[in-house]
Amino acid sequence: MIFVIYQILISFILLISPIIIIVRIIKNKEDKKRFLEKFSITKEKSFEKDIIWFHAASVGEVISIISIIKYFEKKKEIKKILITTNTLSSSKIVKQLKLKKIIHQFYPIDHNIITRKFLNHWKPKIAFFLESEIWPSMFLQLYKKKIPLVLLNARLTKKSFNRWMYVENFAKKIFALIKHVYPQNKETKDFLKKLNIREYKQIGNLKYIDYNFDEKTSFRSQILKKLKKYKIWVAASTHPGEEYLAAKTHILLKQKHKNLITIIIPRHMHDIKNIVEKLENLDLVVVRHSFKKKNITNIDIYIVDTFGESKYFYEISPTVFLGKSIFHNGGQNPLEAARLGCNILHGPNIENFKDVYKHLKDLKISKKINSIDALASNIKFKKNYSNSIRMKSISQKIYKETLNELNHLIK
């Protein structure tokens, strides 16, 4: 009965989907040339066999499997790798990989007819879903077609678990369709047990893995070299309000450090113009990375408004503040910055990564702040490499164990 109600709701969404898509295109959140892929209408041809499929919701999930994707790209027995994502920003990350075997599609609407059409076209050998991507219609179609379903780096927060428990019997039936589950932390493992999942293996959080994504550009190399001459710090994955907080922190720090540039990497790029306008209203000189201006003399804020480049700025920054943690809930993944020897600062709202932040706190890599004064006083201008070697060791261990598991499943 619950599944029938779910399908009715999805059918209603289908009816109003043209309006939703038009609004999203206007807001630059949708690809105006490829939105039909969400209805399983594609220009890409299908392949009869040996396609492995990875579904990742957005940027963070894509980044967590880049090294794994690159590994399978080199295996002769793997003919094609299908990657689906939900967001425009994540599609741009996949495009930048420039790997020959990869096909990217936007994930289809979770309606029985559409999901059936998707699977009939692509015929994947196995499906890997990342983290919290639980889609009842697709899971049911995969089960009917006897395509193994793997929930990789599974994550259930207390909030999402409680939502599933409102429809407990339905939830247990949906989770029972998953053949293999790899929880990323103890909390998820405990919640999965309550959903009657008994077959699981914990290999660690894939977001610890170094994603090994190198795309050399002469302009980036030049600008990084110039930025190294300044005292810099990074405010990354910022959400609305946190760019303003970073700017006010810059103004406070500038009183003591004249040779200072603050680098801001917003999480969502569609609002860049508005962000720039607000910062310029503070009488700050702002430069956008995408404009490729080589002269950064006498600037205040350097905004990285391109996708997939955070790593390069972490490499030269001693301190990184991770957003979605002051004015918004959930937090953002700090592990990439931690691997590169950065001191990590964050706000109090880090529910999505609380186990990761606890680990970093134990290693004395991260610290919680809750005000502009606290942020300014905890920014360091010297790298902390003492724990980066240990972080990379953890990364390698999880990477190897993950490949062992996946190779076994794909055979």
Protein backbone atom coordinates (compact mmCIF):
# COMPACT_ATOMS: atom_id res chain seq x y z
CA MET A 1 0.00 0.00 0.00
CA ILE A 2 2.82 2.42 0.90
CA PHE A 3 4.52 1.70 -2.42
CA VAL A 4 1.29 2.50 -4.29
CA ILE A 5 1.03 5.83 -2.45
CA TYR A 6 4.70 6.49 -3.25
CA GLN A 7 4.06 5.88 -6.96
CA ILE A 8 1.05 8.21 -6.91
CA LEU A 9 3.21 10.95 -5.39
CA ILE A 10 5.94 10.40 -7.99
CA SER A 11 3.28 10.46 -10.74
CA PHE A 12 2.09 13.83 -9.45
CA ILE A 13 5.69 15.11 -9.51
CA LEU A 14 5.91 13.91 -13.11
CA LEU A 15 2.86 15.98 -14.02
CA ILE A 16 4.37 19.18 -12.63
CA SER A 17 7.96 18.30 -13.59
CA PRO A 18 8.04 20.64 -16.66
CA ILE A 19 7.43 23.61 -14.35
CA ILE A 20 10.06 22.39 -11.88
CA ILE A 21 12.64 21.90 -14.65
CA ILE A 22 11.99 25.30 -16.22
CA VAL A 23 12.51 26.98 -12.82
CA ARG A 24 15.70 24.98 -12.26
CA ILE A 25 17.03 25.90 -15.73
CA ILE A 26 16.39 29.58 -15.00
CA LYS A 27 18.31 29.20 -11.71
CA ASN A 28 21.19 27.42 -13.52
CA LYS A 29 20.56 24.24 -11.55
CA GLU A 30 19.60 22.12 -14.55
CA ASP A 31 21.28 21.23 -17.84
CA LYS A 32 18.95 22.66 -20.51
CA LYS A 33 20.35 20.29 -23.14
CA ARG A 34 20.25 17.09 -21.09
CA PHE A 35 17.28 17.36 -18.70
CA LEU A 36 15.41 14.69 -20.67
CA GLU A 37 17.81 12.12 -19.24
CA LYS A 38 15.82 12.42 -16.00
CA PHE A 39 12.95 10.84 -17.93
CA SER A 40 15.25 8.07 -19.28
CA ILE A 41 15.40 9.75 -22.69
CA THR A 42 18.99 9.71 -23.86
CA LYS A 43 21.10 10.20 -26.97
CA GLU A 44 23.73 7.77 -25.69
CA LYS A 45 23.70 4.28 -27.16
CA SER A 46 23.46 1.26 -24.89
CA PHE A 47 26.00 -1.55 -24.53
CA GLU A 48 25.00 -5.17 -24.26
CA LYS A 49 27.27 -6.34 -21.45
CA ASP A 50 29.93 -5.61 -18.86
CA ILE A 51 28.65 -2.18 -17.84
CA ILE A 52 29.15 -1.40 -14.18
CA TRP A 53 27.00 1.37 -12.76
CA PHE A 54 27.81 3.86 -10.00
CA HIS A 55 25.14 6.25 -8.74
CA ALA A 56 26.31 9.23 -6.68
CA ALA A 57 24.03 12.03 -5.56
CA SER A 58 26.31 15.03 -5.92
CA VAL A 59 29.86 16.39 -5.84
CA GLY A 60 31.01 14.87 -2.54
CA GLU A 61 29.90 11.37 -3.45
CA VAL A 62 31.48 11.61 -6.92
CA ILE A 63 34.80 12.77 -5.47
CA SER A 64 34.81 9.86 -3.01
CA ILE A 65 34.87 7.31 -5.87
CA ILE A 66 37.17 9.05 -8.37
CA SER A 67 40.16 6.85 -7.48
CA ILE A 68 37.97 3.75 -7.69
CA ILE A 69 36.60 4.80 -11.09
CA LYS A 70 40.14 5.40 -12.37
CA TYR A 71 41.14 1.92 -11.21
CA PHE A 72 38.29 0.24 -13.12
CA GLU A 73 38.97 2.42 -16.16
CA LYS A 74 42.29 0.56 -16.53
CA LYS A 75 40.80 -2.94 -16.27
CA LYS A 76 40.41 -4.57 -19.71
CA GLU A 77 37.42 -6.69 -18.69
CA ILE A 78 35.42 -3.56 -17.81
CA LYS A 79 34.02 -2.23 -21.09
CA LYS A 80 31.99 0.74 -19.87
CA ILE A 81 31.36 2.58 -16.61
CA LEU A 82 28.01 4.31 -16.23
CA ILE A 83 27.93 7.14 -13.68
CA THR A 84 24.65 8.78 -12.75
CA THR A 85 24.29 11.87 -10.58
CA ASN A 86 21.48 14.18 -9.51
CA THR A 87 23.09 17.59 -9.84
CA LEU A 88 24.55 19.84 -12.51
CA SER A 89 27.70 20.51 -10.46
CA SER A 90 28.47 16.80 -10.10
CA SER A 91 28.05 16.27 -13.85
CA LYS A 92 30.78 18.85 -14.44
CA ILE A 93 33.14 16.96 -12.12
CA VAL A 94 32.55 13.73 -14.08
CA LYS A 95 33.16 15.56 -17.36
CA GLN A 96 36.51 16.86 -16.09
CA LEU A 97 37.73 13.30 -15.50
CA LYS A 98 38.04 12.81 -19.27
CA LEU A 99 38.06 9.02 -19.03
CA LYS A 100 37.26 7.01 -22.17
CA LYS A 101 35.08 4.33 -20.59
CA ILE A 102 32.83 6.69 -18.62
CA ILE A 103 29.29 7.52 -19.66
CA HIS A 104 27.51 10.11 -17.54
CA GLN A 105 23.74 10.37 -17.25
CA PHE A 106 21.45 12.29 -14.94
CA TYR A 107 19.64 9.97 -12.57
CA PRO A 108 16.05 9.25 -13.70
CA ILE A 109 12.90 10.13 -11.80
CA ASP A 110 12.00 7.23 -9.51
CA HIS A 111 8.85 6.10 -11.28
CA ASN A 112 8.30 2.44 -12.20
CA ILE A 113 7.92 3.14 -15.93
CA ILE A 114 10.96 5.43 -16.09
CA THR A 115 13.27 3.22 -14.01
CA ARG A 116 12.26 0.14 -16.04
CA LYS A 117 13.04 2.02 -19.25
CA PHE A 118 16.41 3.11 -17.84
CA LEU A 119 17.46 -0.45 -16.95
CA ASN A 120 16.18 -1.89 -20.22
CA HIS A 121 18.40 0.58 -22.06
CA TRP A 122 21.61 0.31 -20.03
CA LYS A 123 21.47 -3.30 -18.76
CA PRO A 124 24.13 -2.87 -16.04
CA LYS A 125 25.98 -5.89 -14.74
CA ILE A 126 25.93 -4.53 -11.18
CA ALA A 127 24.73 -1.32 -9.52
CA PHE A 128 26.62 0.58 -6.82
CA PHE A 129 24.61 3.23 -4.98
CA LEU A 130 26.49 5.68 -2.77
CA GLU A 131 25.66 6.72 0.79
CA SER A 132 22.00 7.73 1.31
CA GLU A 133 20.67 7.15 -2.20
CA ILE A 134 17.68 4.91 -1.49
CA TRP A 135 15.20 4.83 -4.38
CA PRO A 136 12.31 2.32 -3.93
CA SER A 137 11.20 2.02 -7.57
CA MET A 138 14.71 1.59 -8.94
CA PHE A 139 15.61 -0.90 -6.20
CA LEU A 140 12.53 -2.96 -7.01
CA GLN A 141 13.30 -2.96 -10.74
CA LEU A 142 16.91 -3.99 -10.10
CA TYR A 143 15.66 -6.87 -7.95
CA LYS A 144 13.17 -8.02 -10.61
CA LYS A 145 15.90 -7.98 -13.27
CA LYS A 146 18.31 -9.84 -10.95
CA ILE A 147 20.90 -7.07 -11.12
CA PRO A 148 22.99 -7.10 -7.89
CA LEU A 149 22.51 -3.92 -5.87
CA VAL A 150 25.31 -2.68 -3.60
CA LEU A 151 24.94 0.18 -1.12
CA LEU A 152 28.48 1.51 -0.94
CA ASN A 153 29.68 3.81 1.84
CA ALA A 154 26.17 3.61 3.26
CA ARG A 155 25.12 6.48 5.51
CA LEU A 156 22.01 6.78 7.65
CA THR A 157 21.72 9.71 10.02
CA LYS A 158 19.42 9.63 13.02
CA LYS A 159 17.12 12.06 11.21
CA SER A 160 16.86 9.95 8.03
CA PHE A 161 16.49 6.72 10.05
CA ASN A 162 13.61 8.20 12.02
CA ARG A 163 11.90 9.16 8.76
CA TRP A 164 12.20 5.60 7.48
CA MET A 165 10.77 4.30 10.74
CA TYR A 166 7.50 6.14 10.06
CA VAL A 167 7.00 3.47 7.38
CA GLU A 168 8.97 0.71 9.07
CA ASN A 169 7.56 -2.30 7.21
CA PHE A 170 7.96 -0.55 3.86
CA ALA A 171 11.52 0.48 4.78
CA LYS A 172 12.50 -3.07 5.72
CA LYS A 173 11.16 -4.37 2.39
CA ILE A 174 13.11 -1.76 0.42
CA PHE A 175 16.38 -2.31 2.31
CA ALA A 176 15.97 -6.07 1.91
CA LEU A 177 16.38 -5.57 -1.86
CA ILE A 178 20.03 -4.57 -1.32
CA LYS A 179 22.39 -7.49 -1.80
CA HIS A 180 25.55 -6.03 -0.20
CA VAL A 181 25.87 -3.15 2.25
CA TYR A 182 29.05 -1.35 3.31
CA PRO A 183 28.25 1.11 6.14
CA GLN A 184 30.67 4.01 6.55
CA ASN A 185 30.33 4.31 10.34
CA LYS A 186 29.01 2.61 13.48
CA GLU A 187 25.88 4.75 13.66
CA THR A 188 24.80 3.60 10.19
CA LYS A 189 25.64 -0.01 11.04
CA ASP A 190 23.40 0.14 14.13
CA PHE A 191 20.52 1.67 12.16
CA LEU A 192 20.88 -0.97 9.43
CA LYS A 193 20.59 -3.71 12.04
CA LYS A 194 17.28 -2.20 13.18
CA LEU A 195 16.13 -2.40 9.55
CA ASN A 196 16.92 -6.14 9.62
CA ILE A 197 20.12 -5.84 7.55
CA ARG A 198 22.37 -8.66 8.69
CA GLU A 199 24.74 -9.01 5.73
CA TYR A 200 27.15 -6.08 5.85
CA LYS A 201 30.85 -5.31 6.07
CA GLN A 202 32.44 -2.15 7.40
CA ILE A 203 35.55 -1.12 5.44
CA GLY A 204 35.66 2.55 6.41
CA ASN A 205 34.48 5.85 4.97
CA LEU A 206 35.35 6.24 1.27
CA LYS A 207 35.69 9.97 1.80
CA TYR A 208 39.03 9.27 3.50
CA ILE A 209 40.38 8.16 0.12
CA ASP A 210 42.59 10.58 -1.80
CA TYR A 211 40.68 11.15 -5.02
CA ASN A 212 43.83 11.60 -7.15
CA PHE A 213 42.35 14.11 -9.58
CA ASP A 214 44.99 16.05 -11.48
CA GLU A 215 44.11 18.39 -14.26
CA LYS A 216 47.05 20.69 -14.98
CA THR A 217 46.37 24.16 -16.32
CA SER A 218 48.97 26.86 -16.83
CA PHE A 219 46.74 29.59 -15.42
CA ARG A 220 46.04 27.70 -12.20
CA SER A 221 49.73 26.99 -11.74
CA GLN A 222 50.51 30.69 -12.17
CA ILE A 223 47.83 31.89 -9.78
CA LEU A 224 48.75 29.35 -7.09
CA LYS A 225 52.37 30.46 -7.31
CA LYS A 226 51.31 34.08 -6.81
CA LEU A 227 48.97 33.26 -3.93
CA LYS A 228 51.80 31.48 -2.08
CA LYS A 229 53.49 34.85 -1.65
CA TYR A 230 50.61 36.04 0.55
CA LYS A 231 49.23 35.01 3.89
CA ILE A 232 46.18 33.01 2.86
CA TRP A 233 43.41 30.90 4.31
CA VAL A 234 40.43 29.16 2.72
CA ALA A 235 36.70 29.22 3.49
CA ALA A 236 35.42 26.19 1.57
CA SER A 237 32.03 24.67 0.73
CA THR A 238 30.42 27.80 2.06
CA HIS A 239 26.65 28.24 2.12
CA PRO A 240 24.64 31.49 2.18
CA GLY A 241 25.82 33.72 5.00
CA GLU A 242 29.17 31.98 5.43
CA GLU A 243 30.80 33.96 2.60
CA TYR A 244 29.83 37.13 4.50
CA LEU A 245 31.25 35.62 7.71
CA ALA A 246 34.52 34.85 5.91
CA ALA A 247 34.66 38.40 4.54
CA LYS A 248 34.12 39.93 7.99
CA THR A 249 36.84 37.64 9.32
CA HIS A 250 39.13 38.89 6.55
CA ILE A 251 38.48 42.50 7.58
CA LEU A 252 39.34 41.64 11.20
CA LEU A 253 42.52 39.76 10.23
CA LYS A 254 43.60 42.50 7.83
CA GLN A 255 44.15 44.83 10.80
CA LYS A 256 47.08 42.65 11.81
CA HIS A 257 48.12 40.96 8.55
CA LYS A 258 48.38 43.44 5.69
CA ASN A 259 49.65 40.86 3.21
CA LEU A 260 46.42 38.81 3.41
CA ILE A 261 44.17 37.19 0.81
CA THR A 262 41.09 35.18 1.77
CA ILE A 263 40.09 32.41 -0.64
CA ILE A 264 36.39 31.53 -0.72
CA ILE A 265 35.10 28.37 -2.44
CA PRO A 266 31.28 28.46 -2.43
CA ARG A 267 29.41 25.17 -2.43
CA HIS A 268 26.82 26.35 -4.96
CA MET A 269 28.05 28.31 -7.97
CA HIS A 270 24.69 29.55 -9.27
CA ASP A 271 24.67 32.40 -6.72
CA ILE A 272 28.17 33.74 -7.43
CA LYS A 273 27.08 37.16 -8.70
CA ASN A 274 25.05 37.78 -5.57
CA ILE A 275 27.97 36.69 -3.36
CA VAL A 276 30.39 39.01 -5.14
CA GLU A 277 27.97 41.94 -4.85
CA LYS A 278 27.55 41.44 -1.09
CA LEU A 279 31.31 41.27 -0.52
CA GLU A 280 32.00 44.33 -2.67
CA ASN A 281 29.45 46.21 -0.58
CA LEU A 282 31.89 45.70 2.30
CA ASP A 283 34.46 47.71 0.29
CA LEU A 284 36.46 44.58 -0.46
CA VAL A 285 38.29 43.96 -3.74
CA VAL A 286 37.01 40.65 -5.13
CA VAL A 287 38.48 38.57 -7.96
CA ARG A 288 36.83 35.52 -9.52
CA HIS A 289 38.99 32.54 -10.50
CA SER A 290 36.98 31.89 -13.68
CA PHE A 291 37.84 35.36 -15.03
CA LYS A 292 41.52 34.29 -15.14
CA LYS A 293 42.94 37.63 -14.04
CA LYS A 294 46.66 37.28 -13.52
CA ASN A 295 47.05 40.44 -11.44
CA ILE A 296 46.02 39.79 -7.83
CA THR A 297 47.92 42.71 -6.32
CA ASN A 298 45.88 44.66 -3.75
CA ILE A 299 42.93 42.27 -3.68
CA ASP A 300 41.06 41.01 -0.62
CA ILE A 301 38.96 38.04 -1.67
CA TYR A 302 39.77 35.40 -4.29
CA ILE A 303 36.61 33.43 -5.17
CA VAL A 304 37.05 30.00 -6.70
CA ASP A 305 33.92 29.78 -8.84
CA THR A 306 34.85 26.63 -10.76
CA PHE A 307 34.27 22.95 -10.00
CA GLY A 308 36.75 20.35 -8.81
CA GLU A 309 39.62 22.67 -7.88
CA SER A 310 39.39 22.82 -4.08
CA LYS A 311 42.31 20.42 -3.67
CA TYR A 312 44.80 22.76 -5.32
CA PHE A 313 43.93 25.61 -2.99
CA TYR A 314 44.03 23.33 0.05
CA GLU A 315 47.57 22.39 -0.94
CA ILE A 316 48.79 25.96 -0.42
CA SER A 317 46.57 26.94 2.52
CA PRO A 318 47.52 26.33 6.16
CA THR A 319 43.93 26.72 7.44
CA VAL A 320 40.57 25.72 5.98
CA PHE A 321 37.15 26.59 7.36
CA LEU A 322 34.48 24.10 6.21
CA GLY A 323 31.04 25.55 5.61
CA LYS A 324 27.43 24.42 6.04
CA SER A 325 28.30 24.36 9.72
CA ILE A 326 27.47 27.85 11.05
CA PHE A 327 24.11 28.96 9.61
CA HIS A 328 23.13 25.61 8.09
CA ASN A 329 23.02 22.01 9.32
CA GLY A 330 25.03 18.99 8.26
CA GLY A 331 28.59 20.19 7.70
CA GLN A 332 30.89 19.36 4.78
CA ASN A 333 33.60 16.77 4.29
CA PRO A 334 36.91 17.95 5.87
CA LEU A 335 39.03 14.94 4.93
CA GLU A 336 40.52 16.24 1.70
CA ALA A 337 41.88 19.32 3.47
CA ALA A 338 43.08 17.24 6.43
CA ARG A 339 45.08 14.92 4.14
CA LEU A 340 46.90 17.97 2.80
CA GLY A 341 48.08 19.17 6.21
CA CYS A 342 45.48 21.91 6.75
CA ASN A 343 44.23 23.02 10.14
CA ILE A 344 40.46 22.47 10.02
CA LEU A 345 37.91 24.85 11.50
CA HIS A 346 34.15 24.30 11.51
CA GLY A 347 30.93 25.49 13.12
CA PRO A 348 28.76 23.53 15.57
CA ASN A 349 26.41 21.99 12.97
CA ILE A 350 28.29 18.96 11.64
CA GLU A 351 25.77 16.11 12.00
CA ASN A 352 26.60 14.50 8.65
CA PHE A 353 30.30 14.16 9.52
CA LYS A 354 30.33 13.95 13.30
CA ASP A 355 32.32 10.69 13.38
CA VAL A 356 34.89 12.17 10.96
CA TYR A 357 35.23 15.38 12.95
CA LYS A 358 35.56 13.39 16.18
CA HIS A 359 38.48 11.52 14.63
CA LEU A 360 40.10 14.75 13.44
CA LYS A 361 39.58 16.34 16.84
CA ASP A 362 41.32 13.36 18.51
CA LEU A 363 44.23 13.92 16.11
CA LYS A 364 44.19 17.64 17.02
CA ILE A 365 43.58 18.59 13.39
CA SER A 366 40.15 20.22 13.75
CA LYS A 367 38.51 22.75 16.05
CA LYS A 368 34.97 24.04 16.50
CA ILE A 369 34.30 27.77 16.28
CA ASN A 370 31.03 29.71 16.48
CA SER A 371 31.83 33.37 15.83
CA ILE A 372 33.88 35.71 13.66
CA ASP A 373 36.26 36.44 16.55
CA ALA A 374 36.77 32.72 17.20
CA LEU A 375 37.37 32.05 13.52
CA ALA A 376 39.90 34.88 13.22
CA SER A 377 41.80 33.90 16.35
CA ASN A 378 42.16 30.26 15.28
CA ILE A 379 43.38 30.82 11.73
CA LYS A 380 46.99 29.68 11.42
CA PHE A 381 49.41 30.55 8.66
CA LYS A 382 51.62 27.51 9.06
CA LYS A 383 50.86 24.05 7.66
CA ASN A 384 50.28 21.10 10.00
CA TYR A 385 51.95 18.16 8.25
CA SER A 386 52.41 16.05 11.39
CA ASN A 387 49.16 14.13 10.89
CA SER A 388 48.83 14.22 7.10
CA ILE A 389 51.03 11.11 6.73
CA ARG A 390 48.74 9.21 9.09
CA MET A 391 45.68 10.42 7.17
CA LYS A 392 47.19 9.20 3.91
CA SER A 393 47.93 5.83 5.49
CA ILE A 394 44.26 5.48 6.49
CA SER A 395 43.29 6.53 2.96
CA GLN A 396 45.41 3.82 1.36
CA LYS A 397 44.09 1.13 3.67
CA ILE A 398 40.43 1.94 2.91
CA TYR A 399 41.21 2.22 -0.81
CA LYS A 400 42.81 -1.24 -0.97
CA GLU A 401 40.08 -2.92 1.07
CA THR A 402 37.39 -1.30 -1.08
CA LEU A 403 39.01 -2.50 -4.31
CA ASN A 404 39.29 -6.03 -2.91
CA GLU A 405 35.58 -6.05 -2.11
CA LEU A 406 34.50 -4.54 -5.43
CA ASN A 407 36.70 -6.84 -7.51
CA HIS A 408 35.12 -9.79 -5.75
CA LEU A 409 31.59 -8.50 -6.43
CA ILE A 410 32.19 -7.70 -10.11
CA LYS A 411 33.67 -11.11 -11.02
